[in-house]
Every structure is written in structure tokens, then in C-alpha cells.
Amino acid sequence: MPRRLTDTWSLGGLSIPNRVVLAPLAGIGNWFVRLQAKRYGAGLAVSEMVSSFAIHYRNERTLRELLRIHPEEHPVAVQLFGYDPDVMASAAEQVAAAGADLIDINMGCPVPKVCKTGAGAALLEDPARALALARAAGRGSGLPVTVKLRSGQRPGDLRGIEVARRLAGEGAVAAVALHPRHASQRHKGAPDYALAARVVEELPVPVMVSGGLQSAEQARTAFERTGAAAVLLARGSLGNPWLFAELLGRRAGPPSRAEVLAEIDWVVECAVAHLGEARAVHYLRKFYPWYLERLGADKLVRQALQTAPTLEAARSLLHETTRLELAA
């Protein structure tokens, strides 16, 4: 029978209930963003990128906020980045103690401040270090290890694929998540799904695919064209957790205004629980635009939300705007 996104699968001996995964979202994928994805059906959620050094040296905010795992979000992976195998092993041990089910290592981040340390996409040029980091994470945590990487640094560069071959061939990872764009593309241009399909055929471990999956149609196309074990939803899921449910056949249409407003309220409550109200006021300003797009809010409303002094003021603005639009 043909594979379906609703099929269960095994990742390092861990049973994953379906093939729709929340990708790691740098600076965004905290516990309640992951829990939100799980509420709408995601089979696995991966944390935002966390510094192995910050964990190793027991940075208080990192441990309190970035290693916070909600009991209802399992199975969950924590993504680490770094360049030192000993530090990676130490961090992975603490991640396992925090309750993670998997360790993911970022080997694809193209941001210069990450790469200049030898982490992220810089590891595509250093396969020996990449292998040492993956082995250290497994040794330190006792958990299955995955990596997320890109095809290479620049057009025509396939060193990322070589790194994936070595990691999988030498048994250092349980799965590979491939973003089939080179690092210099960032999030622009068409992902090379034909390349992803070749990697899926070749590697002895499951391959998950990400990149360019803004809609259910795009995600289904990537899943079918690549033969990947799973699809990773990233930017396409921002302000749109309903995408998970749509891909799993749990809903057929877009959310109503009432559903969007209820979801914003849920996000606000979680942000307060996560950070406290004073910090949540500013933190949520990056979340509002994702949902306002679904509400069709005009520019003035968007600007007002970015300067709302309290969460109550922001909520009142959202609900009052929607009430006036519905009454018009």
C-alpha cells in the first residue's frame, strides 16, 4: 500500500504516530509552540535551536526556558548546536535529564554568527567534527540522535549530502532531516526535491524533508516526490497550526475568525505562563502578524498591536476589530 502521512513509523526505536513533524524554528519553537503543533496532530515536534555551551555552563535562563518540556508534547526532540564534542555530550546528558525523547543537531544554520564558531552549516565542511558531535550526543544522552542539514554551502555544493552519508553509514544518527537548498539560499528559491529523493533512496536511515512547505498541497507534493519518511513544517505553520490537522485529514478548510481569536488567546496565556506578563507583552509582538494575516487586519491594527502597552490592550484591540468587521 502507498505510504500515507497518517502512517506510524519508527525513529531510533521510538514510535512516531504520523509523518507530519514540527521543524525546529530558531527563536520560536518553545514548549508552547511545540504543544500547539501537537494539539493539531503533529507526530513529533523539535525544539528551537539551543546552544550546547549555554546548557553545559548551566545558563539559568536557557535551562529554565529552552529546556522546558510540557508533559503533553511527547515525543519531542531538542535541537542543539555547537562545535565541541565534549560540550555536546554534556549538554545532551542534561537534555535527556530534562525529558527529551530525541536529540537533534543543527548542521544547516546559515547565520554567520553561528557558522563562524564552527557550528551550524560550517559543519558541512568538517565531516569528521560532524561525526564526532553526533556520536558525543548519543553517548551523553543515551537517546537516538538526528541531524538537520542542508545540501551544501553554495550552488553545486553537495558536501552536506556527503556528511549525511557518513553519519548514516557509520551508524551515528537514527535519521536525517534534509533541507534541499544550499545554505547561501537561506529560504529563497525552489528546494531540490529530486536531490532529496536520491538521498532517501541511498541512506540506510529515515530521511525527513523540509523547505518550501507553506501549504498542505506543497507538503503532500514533497512527501510524494521524495519518498521521505516525514515532512517538516516550519514557516508554513507559523500562525497556522491548522495546517497539521489539514495534512492529517482532520479538517478540510481554513479556520474561522472565532477559531483564530481563540488560538491567539491560548498563545497569549501560554506566553504569560512561559515568561510572565511583562516579558510576554514584547515577546508576543512577533506572533501577532502571523494570526493577523488570517484575520485580514489592516495596517493600522497591525501597528497598534506592535505598540500595545499591555496584553489586555492587545486582546481588546483584536476582539474589538473583529467585532466591528463582522458587524459591518
Protein backbone atom coordinates (compact mmCIF):
# COMPACT_ATOMS: atom_id res chain seq x y z
CA MET A 1 0.00 0.00 0.00
CA PRO A 2 1.20 3.57 -0.64
CA ARG A 3 2.63 5.44 2.32
CA ARG A 4 0.35 7.98 3.95
CA LEU A 5 1.11 10.96 6.13
CA THR A 6 -1.11 9.36 8.77
CA ASP A 7 1.04 6.20 8.97
CA THR A 8 3.08 5.45 12.08
CA TRP A 9 6.82 4.96 11.71
CA SER A 10 9.89 4.20 13.82
CA LEU A 11 12.71 6.63 14.57
CA GLY A 12 15.56 5.10 16.52
CA GLY A 13 13.16 2.63 18.11
CA LEU A 14 10.71 5.37 19.06
CA SER A 15 7.22 5.02 17.60
CA ILE A 16 6.08 8.23 15.85
CA PRO A 17 2.29 8.31 15.36
CA ASN A 18 2.31 10.06 11.97
CA ARG A 19 4.63 11.60 9.40
CA VAL A 20 3.96 15.29 9.99
CA VAL A 21 6.63 16.97 12.12
CA LEU A 22 7.11 20.46 13.53
CA ALA A 23 10.53 21.61 12.37
CA PRO A 24 12.96 23.43 14.66
CA LEU A 25 12.18 27.16 14.48
CA ALA A 26 15.05 29.30 15.76
CA GLY A 27 13.90 31.73 18.42
CA ILE A 28 10.33 30.46 18.19
CA GLY A 29 9.95 26.73 18.88
CA ASN A 30 9.49 26.83 22.64
CA TRP A 31 7.35 24.38 24.62
CA PHE A 32 4.00 26.01 23.87
CA VAL A 33 4.68 26.33 20.13
CA ARG A 34 5.51 22.64 20.14
CA LEU A 35 2.48 21.82 22.26
CA GLN A 36 0.32 23.81 19.84
CA ALA A 37 1.57 21.68 16.95
CA LYS A 38 0.80 18.55 18.96
CA ARG A 39 -2.73 19.80 19.72
CA TYR A 40 -3.36 19.90 15.99
CA GLY A 41 -1.85 16.49 15.30
CA ALA A 42 1.91 16.73 14.77
CA GLY A 43 3.50 13.33 15.35
CA LEU A 44 6.80 14.82 16.50
CA ALA A 45 7.94 18.31 17.47
CA VAL A 46 11.51 19.63 17.50
CA SER A 47 12.63 22.49 19.73
CA GLU A 48 14.19 25.72 18.66
CA MET A 49 17.97 25.66 18.34
CA VAL A 50 19.66 25.63 21.76
CA SER A 51 23.33 26.33 22.45
CA SER A 52 25.18 23.30 23.78
CA PHE A 53 27.56 25.69 25.54
CA ALA A 54 24.70 27.51 27.31
CA ILE A 55 23.45 24.19 28.65
CA HIS A 56 26.90 22.88 29.53
CA TYR A 57 27.67 26.02 31.54
CA ARG A 58 24.19 25.91 33.06
CA ASN A 59 22.91 29.26 31.87
CA GLU A 60 19.90 29.79 34.12
CA ARG A 61 17.52 31.23 31.51
CA THR A 62 18.43 28.56 28.96
CA LEU A 63 17.74 25.77 31.42
CA ARG A 64 14.52 27.33 32.68
CA GLU A 65 13.02 28.38 29.37
CA LEU A 66 14.58 26.43 26.49
CA LEU A 67 14.73 23.05 28.22
CA ARG A 68 11.17 23.30 29.49
CA ILE A 69 9.15 20.34 28.22
CA HIS A 70 5.41 20.04 28.67
CA PRO A 71 4.17 16.57 29.67
CA GLU A 72 1.71 16.50 26.76
CA GLU A 73 4.18 17.23 23.96
CA HIS A 74 5.92 13.86 23.72
CA PRO A 75 7.55 12.61 21.61
CA VAL A 76 9.76 15.68 21.46
CA ALA A 77 13.28 16.37 20.22
CA VAL A 78 15.60 19.11 21.46
CA GLN A 79 17.85 20.61 18.82
CA LEU A 80 21.38 21.51 19.89
CA PHE A 81 24.10 23.43 18.12
CA GLY A 82 27.79 23.66 18.85
CA TYR A 83 31.25 22.58 17.72
CA ASP A 84 32.86 20.89 20.75
CA PRO A 85 32.12 17.15 21.16
CA ASP A 86 32.76 17.13 24.92
CA VAL A 87 30.44 20.08 25.46
CA MET A 88 27.87 18.44 23.19
CA ALA A 89 27.98 15.25 25.26
CA SER A 90 27.48 17.24 28.48
CA ALA A 91 24.59 19.23 27.01
CA ALA A 92 22.94 16.12 25.59
CA GLU A 93 23.07 14.46 29.02
CA GLN A 94 21.21 17.41 30.53
CA VAL A 95 18.68 17.44 27.69
CA ALA A 96 17.92 13.78 28.35
CA ALA A 97 17.51 14.53 32.06
CA ALA A 98 15.03 17.30 31.14
CA GLY A 99 12.82 14.69 29.49
CA ALA A 100 13.56 14.86 25.76
CA ASP A 101 12.96 11.75 23.66
CA LEU A 102 15.46 12.60 20.91
CA ILE A 103 18.49 14.80 20.33
CA ASP A 104 18.71 16.74 17.06
CA ILE A 105 21.90 18.52 15.99
CA ASN A 106 21.78 21.56 13.77
CA MET A 107 24.21 21.24 10.87
CA GLY A 108 22.44 23.59 8.50
CA CYS A 109 22.01 27.02 10.09
CA PRO A 110 23.48 29.57 7.65
CA VAL A 111 23.56 32.52 10.09
CA PRO A 112 27.14 33.93 10.19
CA LYS A 113 27.33 34.27 13.99
CA VAL A 114 26.62 30.53 14.27
CA CYS A 115 28.84 29.42 11.39
CA LYS A 116 31.86 31.46 12.46
CA THR A 117 32.10 29.34 15.61
CA GLY A 118 32.31 26.16 13.54
CA ALA A 119 28.69 25.17 14.25
CA GLY A 120 25.60 25.06 12.02
CA ALA A 121 26.26 24.90 8.28
CA ALA A 122 30.02 25.21 8.90
CA LEU A 123 29.92 21.52 9.84
CA LEU A 124 29.14 20.65 6.22
CA GLU A 125 32.81 21.42 5.56
CA ASP A 126 34.06 19.37 8.51
CA PRO A 127 32.61 15.84 8.32
CA ALA A 128 34.97 14.47 10.99
CA ARG A 129 33.75 17.04 13.51
CA ALA A 130 30.14 16.44 12.46
CA LEU A 131 30.59 12.73 13.12
CA ALA A 132 32.26 13.37 16.49
CA LEU A 133 29.42 15.67 17.57
CA ALA A 134 26.72 13.17 16.63
CA ARG A 135 28.49 10.37 18.47
CA ALA A 136 29.05 12.59 21.51
CA ALA A 137 25.36 13.50 21.65
CA GLY A 138 24.40 9.84 21.60
CA ARG A 139 26.99 8.93 24.19
CA GLY A 140 25.99 11.73 26.51
CA SER A 141 22.24 11.28 26.29
CA GLY A 142 21.66 7.61 25.57
CA LEU A 143 18.95 8.82 23.17
CA PRO A 144 18.53 8.47 19.41
CA VAL A 145 20.29 11.29 17.56
CA THR A 146 19.16 13.00 14.36
CA VAL A 147 20.70 15.82 12.35
CA LYS A 148 19.18 18.59 10.28
CA LEU A 149 21.37 19.76 7.44
CA ARG A 150 21.41 21.40 4.04
CA SER A 151 22.72 20.09 0.74
CA GLY A 152 25.80 22.31 0.84
CA GLN A 153 27.04 25.82 1.28
CA ARG A 154 26.72 27.18 -2.27
CA PRO A 155 25.21 26.26 -5.67
CA GLY A 156 26.51 22.90 -6.84
CA ASP A 157 28.00 22.09 -3.42
CA LEU A 158 26.85 18.69 -2.19
CA ARG A 159 29.10 18.35 0.84
CA GLY A 160 26.02 18.22 3.05
CA ILE A 161 24.96 15.05 1.28
CA GLU A 162 28.42 13.59 1.86
CA VAL A 163 28.13 14.41 5.57
CA ALA A 164 24.70 12.74 5.68
CA ARG A 165 26.12 9.62 4.00
CA ARG A 166 28.92 9.38 6.52
CA LEU A 167 26.72 9.98 9.57
CA ALA A 168 24.17 7.40 8.45
CA GLY A 169 26.70 4.91 7.08
CA GLU A 170 28.72 4.87 10.30
CA GLY A 171 25.64 4.50 12.49
CA ALA A 172 26.00 7.86 14.22
CA VAL A 173 22.42 9.00 13.57
CA ALA A 174 18.97 7.43 13.61
CA ALA A 175 17.58 9.78 10.94
CA VAL A 176 18.45 12.77 8.79
CA ALA A 177 16.35 15.86 8.18
CA LEU A 178 17.30 17.38 4.83
CA HIS A 179 16.59 20.92 3.69
CA PRO A 180 17.43 20.54 -0.02
CA ARG A 181 18.59 24.11 -0.54
CA HIS A 182 22.20 25.24 -0.18
CA ALA A 183 22.96 27.44 2.82
CA SER A 184 23.53 30.62 0.81
CA GLN A 185 19.91 30.41 -0.42
CA ARG A 186 18.56 30.76 3.10
CA HIS A 187 14.79 30.30 2.47
CA LYS A 188 14.74 31.52 -1.13
CA GLY A 189 14.43 29.54 -4.34
CA ALA A 190 12.91 26.15 -5.03
CA PRO A 191 14.05 23.22 -2.88
CA ASP A 192 15.67 20.41 -4.87
CA TYR A 193 13.21 17.61 -4.17
CA ALA A 194 14.80 15.42 -6.85
CA LEU A 195 18.03 15.51 -4.84
CA ALA A 196 16.08 14.71 -1.68
CA ALA A 197 14.54 11.68 -3.41
CA ARG A 198 18.00 10.37 -4.30
CA VAL A 199 19.15 10.78 -0.70
CA VAL A 200 16.06 8.96 0.56
CA GLU A 201 16.85 6.03 -1.74
CA GLU A 202 20.50 5.91 -0.74
CA LEU A 203 20.63 6.36 3.02
CA PRO A 204 20.07 3.41 5.39
CA VAL A 205 18.14 5.62 7.86
CA PRO A 206 14.84 7.52 7.55
CA VAL A 207 15.09 10.89 5.80
CA MET A 208 12.73 13.74 6.65
CA VAL A 209 12.34 16.60 4.18
CA SER A 210 11.82 20.32 4.83
CA GLY A 211 11.89 23.55 2.87
CA GLY A 212 9.18 25.41 0.97
CA LEU A 213 6.27 23.66 2.67
CA GLN A 214 3.92 26.62 3.03
CA SER A 215 0.68 24.78 2.25
CA ALA A 216 -0.88 21.34 2.51
CA GLU A 217 -0.55 20.92 -1.24
CA GLN A 218 3.18 21.69 -1.16
CA ALA A 219 3.76 19.33 1.77
CA ARG A 220 1.88 16.49 0.09
CA THR A 221 3.80 17.06 -3.14
CA ALA A 222 7.16 16.98 -1.36
CA PHE A 223 6.17 13.81 0.52
CA GLU A 224 5.12 12.06 -2.68
CA ARG A 225 8.01 13.25 -4.85
CA THR A 226 10.77 12.47 -2.37
CA GLY A 227 9.53 9.29 -0.71
CA ALA A 228 10.67 10.83 2.59
CA ALA A 229 9.77 9.27 5.91
CA ALA A 230 8.14 12.53 7.04
CA VAL A 231 7.67 16.19 6.20
CA LEU A 232 8.87 19.01 8.46
CA LEU A 233 6.61 22.05 8.70
CA ALA A 234 8.39 25.27 9.60
CA ARG A 235 7.41 28.76 8.41
CA GLY A 236 4.21 27.43 6.87
CA SER A 237 2.92 26.55 10.33
CA LEU A 238 3.50 29.98 11.88
CA GLY A 239 0.09 31.29 12.85
CA ASN A 240 -1.36 28.28 11.07
CA PRO A 241 -1.34 25.22 13.35
CA TRP A 242 -4.43 24.10 11.43
CA LEU A 243 -2.03 23.01 8.67
CA PHE A 244 -1.10 19.94 10.73
CA ALA A 245 -4.75 18.93 11.02
CA GLU A 246 -5.36 19.54 7.33
CA LEU A 247 -2.45 17.30 6.30
CA LEU A 248 -3.73 14.54 8.56
CA GLY A 249 -7.27 14.73 7.17
CA ARG A 250 -8.73 16.13 10.40
CA ARG A 251 -10.13 19.26 8.75
CA ALA A 252 -10.80 20.41 5.20
CA GLY A 253 -10.93 24.18 5.35
CA PRO A 254 -9.33 27.26 6.90
CA PRO A 255 -10.13 28.31 10.46
CA SER A 256 -12.97 30.67 11.25
CA ARG A 257 -12.33 34.07 12.81
CA ALA A 258 -13.55 32.70 16.12
CA GLU A 259 -11.03 29.85 15.92
CA VAL A 260 -8.17 32.24 15.13
CA LEU A 261 -9.08 34.54 18.03
CA ALA A 262 -9.38 31.60 20.41
CA GLU A 263 -5.96 30.40 19.30
CA ILE A 264 -4.42 33.83 19.88
CA ASP A 265 -5.90 33.82 23.40
CA TRP A 266 -4.36 30.40 24.03
CA VAL A 267 -0.97 31.60 22.79
CA VAL A 268 -1.14 34.68 25.00
CA GLU A 269 -1.96 32.61 28.09
CA CYS A 270 0.92 30.25 27.37
CA ALA A 271 3.35 33.13 26.79
CA VAL A 272 2.43 34.57 30.18
CA ALA A 273 3.00 31.17 31.81
CA HIS A 274 6.32 30.92 29.98
CA LEU A 275 7.75 34.39 30.57
CA GLY A 276 5.50 36.36 32.89
CA GLU A 277 3.25 39.15 31.68
CA ALA A 278 5.85 41.91 31.46
CA ARG A 279 8.14 39.98 29.09
CA ALA A 280 5.24 38.40 27.21
CA VAL A 281 4.00 41.84 26.11
CA HIS A 282 7.09 42.31 23.94
CA TYR A 283 7.67 38.64 23.08
CA LEU A 284 4.23 38.24 21.52
CA ARG A 285 4.73 41.07 19.05
CA LYS A 286 6.43 38.66 16.68
CA PHE A 287 3.47 36.26 16.95
CA TYR A 288 0.62 38.69 16.20
CA PRO A 289 1.36 39.27 12.48
CA TRP A 290 1.07 35.57 11.70
CA TYR A 291 -2.51 35.49 13.00
CA LEU A 292 -3.48 38.97 11.78
CA GLU A 293 -2.86 37.77 8.25
CA ARG A 294 -5.66 35.22 8.74
CA LEU A 295 -7.95 37.87 10.20
CA GLY A 296 -7.34 40.26 7.32
CA ALA A 297 -6.43 43.06 9.76
CA ASP A 298 -5.39 46.36 8.21
CA LYS A 299 -2.07 48.16 8.63
CA LEU A 300 -3.31 50.41 11.45
CA VAL A 301 -4.35 47.42 13.56
CA ARG A 302 -1.01 45.76 12.95
CA GLN A 303 0.85 48.86 14.04
CA ALA A 304 -1.34 49.31 17.11
CA LEU A 305 -0.67 45.77 18.25
CA GLN A 306 3.07 46.33 17.99
CA THR A 307 2.81 49.17 20.48
CA ALA A 308 0.06 47.86 22.77
CA PRO A 309 1.36 48.52 26.31
CA THR A 310 -0.38 45.53 27.94
CA LEU A 311 -1.69 42.14 26.92
CA GLU A 312 -5.21 43.20 27.85
CA ALA A 313 -4.94 46.14 25.46
CA ALA A 314 -3.72 43.83 22.69
CA ARG A 315 -6.55 41.35 23.27
CA SER A 316 -9.17 44.11 23.36
CA LEU A 317 -7.86 45.52 20.11
CA LEU A 318 -8.01 42.14 18.38
CA HIS A 319 -11.51 41.27 19.56
CA GLU A 320 -12.94 44.76 19.01
CA THR A 321 -11.53 44.95 15.48
CA THR A 322 -13.03 41.61 14.60
CA ARG A 323 -16.39 42.58 16.15
CA LEU A 324 -16.55 45.76 14.07
CA GLU A 325 -15.61 43.92 10.88
CA LEU A 326 -18.30 41.31 11.45
CA ALA A 327 -20.90 43.99 12.18
CA ALA A 328 -20.04 45.99 9.04
